[in-house]
C-alpha atoms as a PDB file:
ATOM      1  CA  UNK A   1    -120.777  46.557  90.935  1.00  0.00           C
ATOM      2  CA  UNK A   2    -118.884  44.088  88.823  1.00  0.00           C
ATOM      3  CA  UNK A   3    -117.024  41.483  90.846  1.00  0.00           C
ATOM      4  CA  UNK A   4    -115.086  38.331  89.978  1.00  0.00           C
ATOM      5  CA  UNK A   5    -113.882  36.445  93.179  1.00  0.00           C
ATOM      6  CA  UNK A   6    -111.616  33.472  92.849  1.00  0.00           C
ATOM      7  CA  UNK A   7    -111.359  30.810  95.607  1.00  0.00           C
ATOM      8  CA  UNK A   8    -109.931  27.320  96.071  1.00  0.00           C
ATOM      9  CA  UNK A   9    -106.170  27.961  95.888  1.00  0.00           C
ATOM     10  CA  UNK A  10    -103.753  26.563  98.311  1.00  0.00           C
ATOM     11  CA  UNK A  11    -100.878  24.233  98.921  1.00  0.00           C
ATOM     12  CA  UNK A  12    -100.960  20.873  97.207  1.00  0.00           C
ATOM     13  CA  UNK A  13     -98.442  18.138  96.700  1.00  0.00           C
ATOM     14  CA  UNK A  14     -97.158  17.268  93.192  1.00  0.00           C
ATOM     15  CA  UNK A  15     -99.669  14.812  91.595  1.00  0.00           C
ATOM     16  CA  UNK A  16    -102.531  16.276  93.615  1.00  0.00           C
ATOM     17  CA  UNK A  17    -105.751  18.028  92.641  1.00  0.00           C
ATOM     18  CA  UNK A  18    -107.379  21.344  93.272  1.00  0.00           C
ATOM     19  CA  UNK A  19    -110.660  22.868  92.098  1.00  0.00           C
ATOM     20  CA  UNK A  20    -110.705  26.632  91.600  1.00  0.00           C
ATOM     21  CA  UNK A  21    -113.945  28.635  91.638  1.00  0.00           C
ATOM     22  CA  UNK A  22    -114.801  32.042  90.495  1.00  0.00           C
ATOM     23  CA  UNK A  23    -117.920  33.753  91.481  1.00  0.00           C
ATOM     24  CA  UNK A  24    -119.235  36.531  89.283  1.00  0.00           C
ATOM     25  CA  UNK A  25    -121.701  39.242  89.956  1.00  0.00           C
ATOM     26  CA  UNK A  26    -122.658  42.689  88.569  1.00  0.00           C
ATOM     27  CA  UNK A  27    -122.903  41.824  84.843  1.00  0.00           C
ATOM     28  CA  UNK A  28    -124.734  39.572  82.429  1.00  0.00           C
ATOM     29  CA  UNK A  29    -122.524  36.494  82.986  1.00  0.00           C
ATOM     30  CA  UNK A  30    -124.127  34.229  80.422  1.00  0.00           C
ATOM     31  CA  UNK A  31    -123.091  36.662  77.522  1.00  0.00           C
ATOM     32  CA  UNK A  32    -119.398  36.529  78.397  1.00  0.00           C
ATOM     33  CA  UNK A  33    -116.558  34.323  77.407  1.00  0.00           C
ATOM     34  CA  UNK A  34    -114.678  33.187  80.387  1.00  0.00           C
ATOM     35  CA  UNK A  35    -110.925  32.510  80.716  1.00  0.00           C
ATOM     36  CA  UNK A  36    -108.492  31.355  83.465  1.00  0.00           C
ATOM     37  CA  UNK A  37    -105.006  32.963  83.432  1.00  0.00           C
ATOM     38  CA  UNK A  38    -102.078  32.423  85.584  1.00  0.00           C
ATOM     39  CA  UNK A  39     -98.986  34.227  86.522  1.00  0.00           C
ATOM     40  CA  UNK A  40     -95.920  32.568  88.002  1.00  0.00           C
ATOM     41  CA  UNK A  41     -93.284  34.539  89.878  1.00  0.00           C
ATOM     42  CA  UNK A  42     -91.173  36.483  87.512  1.00  0.00           C
ATOM     43  CA  UNK A  43     -93.155  35.464  84.377  1.00  0.00           C
ATOM     44  CA  UNK A  44     -95.813  36.983  82.280  1.00  0.00           C
ATOM     45  CA  UNK A  45     -99.461  36.260  82.806  1.00  0.00           C
ATOM     46  CA  UNK A  46    -100.437  33.214  80.778  1.00  0.00           C
ATOM     47  CA  UNK A  47    -103.831  32.217  79.224  1.00  0.00           C
ATOM     48  CA  UNK A  48    -104.459  28.615  80.090  1.00  0.00           C
ATOM     49  CA  UNK A  49    -108.231  27.967  79.474  1.00  0.00           C
ATOM     50  CA  UNK A  50    -111.028  29.372  77.732  1.00  0.00           C
ATOM     51  CA  UNK A  51    -114.783  28.487  77.703  1.00  0.00           C
ATOM     52  CA  UNK A  52    -117.403  29.930  75.433  1.00  0.00           C
ATOM     53  CA  UNK A  53    -120.769  31.529  76.445  1.00  0.00           C
ATOM     54  CA  UNK A  54    -122.677  28.180  76.364  1.00  0.00           C
ATOM     55  CA  UNK A  55    -119.949  26.050  77.760  1.00  0.00           C
ATOM     56  CA  UNK A  56    -119.787  23.891  74.684  1.00  0.00           C
ATOM     57  CA  UNK A  57    -116.404  25.323  73.474  1.00  0.00           C
ATOM     58  CA  UNK A  58    -113.240  24.915  75.564  1.00  0.00           C
ATOM     59  CA  UNK A  59    -109.656  25.538  74.632  1.00  0.00           C
ATOM     60  CA  UNK A  60    -106.495  24.883  76.683  1.00  0.00           C
ATOM     61  CA  UNK A  61    -102.885  25.837  76.561  1.00  0.00           C
ATOM     62  CA  UNK A  62    -100.594  22.911  75.826  1.00  0.00           C
ATOM     63  CA  UNK A  63     -99.120  23.263  79.232  1.00  0.00           C
ATOM     64  CA  UNK A  64    -102.292  22.149  80.981  1.00  0.00           C
ATOM     65  CA  UNK A  65    -104.155  20.203  78.192  1.00  0.00           C
ATOM     66  CA  UNK A  66    -105.277  16.830  79.557  1.00  0.00           C
ATOM     67  CA  UNK A  67    -104.760  17.819  83.076  1.00  0.00           C
ATOM     68  CA  UNK A  68    -107.102  20.870  83.637  1.00  0.00           C
ATOM     69  CA  UNK A  69    -110.720  21.329  82.835  1.00  0.00           C
ATOM     70  CA  UNK A  70    -112.666  24.548  82.674  1.00  0.00           C
ATOM     71  CA  UNK A  71    -116.516  24.648  83.204  1.00  0.00           C
ATOM     72  CA  UNK A  72    -119.213  27.074  83.919  1.00  0.00           C
ATOM     73  CA  UNK A  73    -122.549  27.276  85.546  1.00  0.00           C
ATOM     74  CA  UNK A  74    -124.589  30.009  84.068  1.00  0.00           C
ATOM     75  CA  UNK A  75    -127.388  29.681  86.473  1.00  0.00           C
ATOM     76  CA  UNK A  76    -125.059  30.166  89.427  1.00  0.00           C
ATOM     77  CA  UNK A  77    -122.723  32.767  87.718  1.00  0.00           C
ATOM     78  CA  UNK A  78    -119.751  30.510  88.375  1.00  0.00           C
ATOM     79  CA  UNK A  79    -116.683  29.353  86.536  1.00  0.00           C
ATOM     80  CA  UNK A  80    -114.464  26.524  87.591  1.00  0.00           C
ATOM     81  CA  UNK A  81    -111.045  25.123  86.887  1.00  0.00           C
ATOM     82  CA  UNK A  82    -110.463  21.533  87.863  1.00  0.00           C
ATOM     83  CA  UNK A  83    -106.766  20.897  88.084  1.00  0.00           C
ATOM     84  CA  UNK A  84    -105.397  17.362  88.211  1.00  0.00           C
ATOM     85  CA  UNK A  85    -101.863  15.840  88.070  1.00  0.00           C
ATOM     86  CA  UNK A  86    -100.508  19.083  89.440  1.00  0.00           C
ATOM     87  CA  UNK A  87     -96.791  19.934  89.006  1.00  0.00           C
ATOM     88  CA  UNK A  88     -94.434  22.297  90.659  1.00  0.00           C
ATOM     89  CA  UNK A  89     -94.430  24.465  87.563  1.00  0.00           C
ATOM     90  CA  UNK A  90     -98.151  24.976  87.914  1.00  0.00           C
ATOM     91  CA  UNK A  91     -97.400  27.197  91.009  1.00  0.00           C
ATOM     92  CA  UNK A  92     -98.828  30.579  90.182  1.00  0.00           C
ATOM     93  CA  UNK A  93    -101.573  33.035  91.031  1.00  0.00           C
ATOM     94  CA  UNK A  94    -104.619  32.084  89.055  1.00  0.00           C
ATOM     95  CA  UNK A  95    -107.085  34.672  87.746  1.00  0.00           C
ATOM     96  CA  UNK A  96    -110.463  34.345  86.025  1.00  0.00           C
ATOM     97  CA  UNK A  97    -111.422  36.703  83.368  1.00  0.00           C
ATOM     98  CA  UNK A  98    -114.714  37.591  81.613  1.00  0.00           C
ATOM     99  CA  UNK A  99    -114.736  39.148  78.139  1.00  0.00           C
ATOM    100  CA  UNK A 100    -117.227  40.359  75.757  1.00  0.00           C
ATOM    101  CA  UNK A 101    -116.876  42.760  72.832  1.00  0.00           C
ATOM    102  CA  UNK A 102    -113.796  44.424  74.382  1.00  0.00           C
ATOM    103  CA  UNK A 103    -115.296  44.816  77.791  1.00  0.00           C
ATOM    104  CA  UNK A 104    -113.213  42.745  80.283  1.00  0.00           C
ATOM    105  CA  UNK A 105    -113.297  42.021  83.942  1.00  0.00           C
ATOM    106  CA  UNK A 106    -110.676  40.492  86.263  1.00  0.00           C
ATOM    107  CA  UNK A 107    -110.663  38.853  89.643  1.00  0.00           C
ATOM    108  CA  UNK A 108    -107.908  39.470  92.241  1.00  0.00           C
ATOM    109  CA  UNK A 109    -106.397  35.979  91.853  1.00  0.00           C
ATOM    110  CA  UNK A 110    -105.994  32.904  94.113  1.00  0.00           C
ATOM    111  CA  UNK A 111    -102.529  31.470  94.901  1.00  0.00           C
ATOM    112  CA  UNK A 112    -101.732  27.785  93.962  1.00  0.00           C
ATOM    113  CA  UNK A 113     -98.507  26.351  95.343  1.00  0.00           C
ATOM    114  CA  UNK A 114     -97.471  22.884  94.201  1.00  0.00           C
ATOM    115  CA  UNK A 115     -94.753  21.619  96.427  1.00  0.00           C
ATOM    116  CA  UNK A 116     -93.816  18.682  98.569  1.00  0.00           C
END
């Protein structure tokens, strides 16, 4: 059974940090590209970070570049999103996604709220 389970969301003050985790199971994790998306209330889902199979290639949306960092641990079937200098506009549900040759899997998401 394929599963992606996000964790680490919560309430944080502006300027603070959070680290999201996504635990994968049920598929060959190391063969998949991984992505983090987010969806803010009333907005479309947005791709914010990508990491290749080996972890050597990462790409970020302009909205998070320089503040967020994606990483993966293929030995543990985990992907992470380190989020620093958080802003109120980062408030959203964050989803991890695995993709390979048209086969894609999604987690249920974790809510991040940035507010004072």
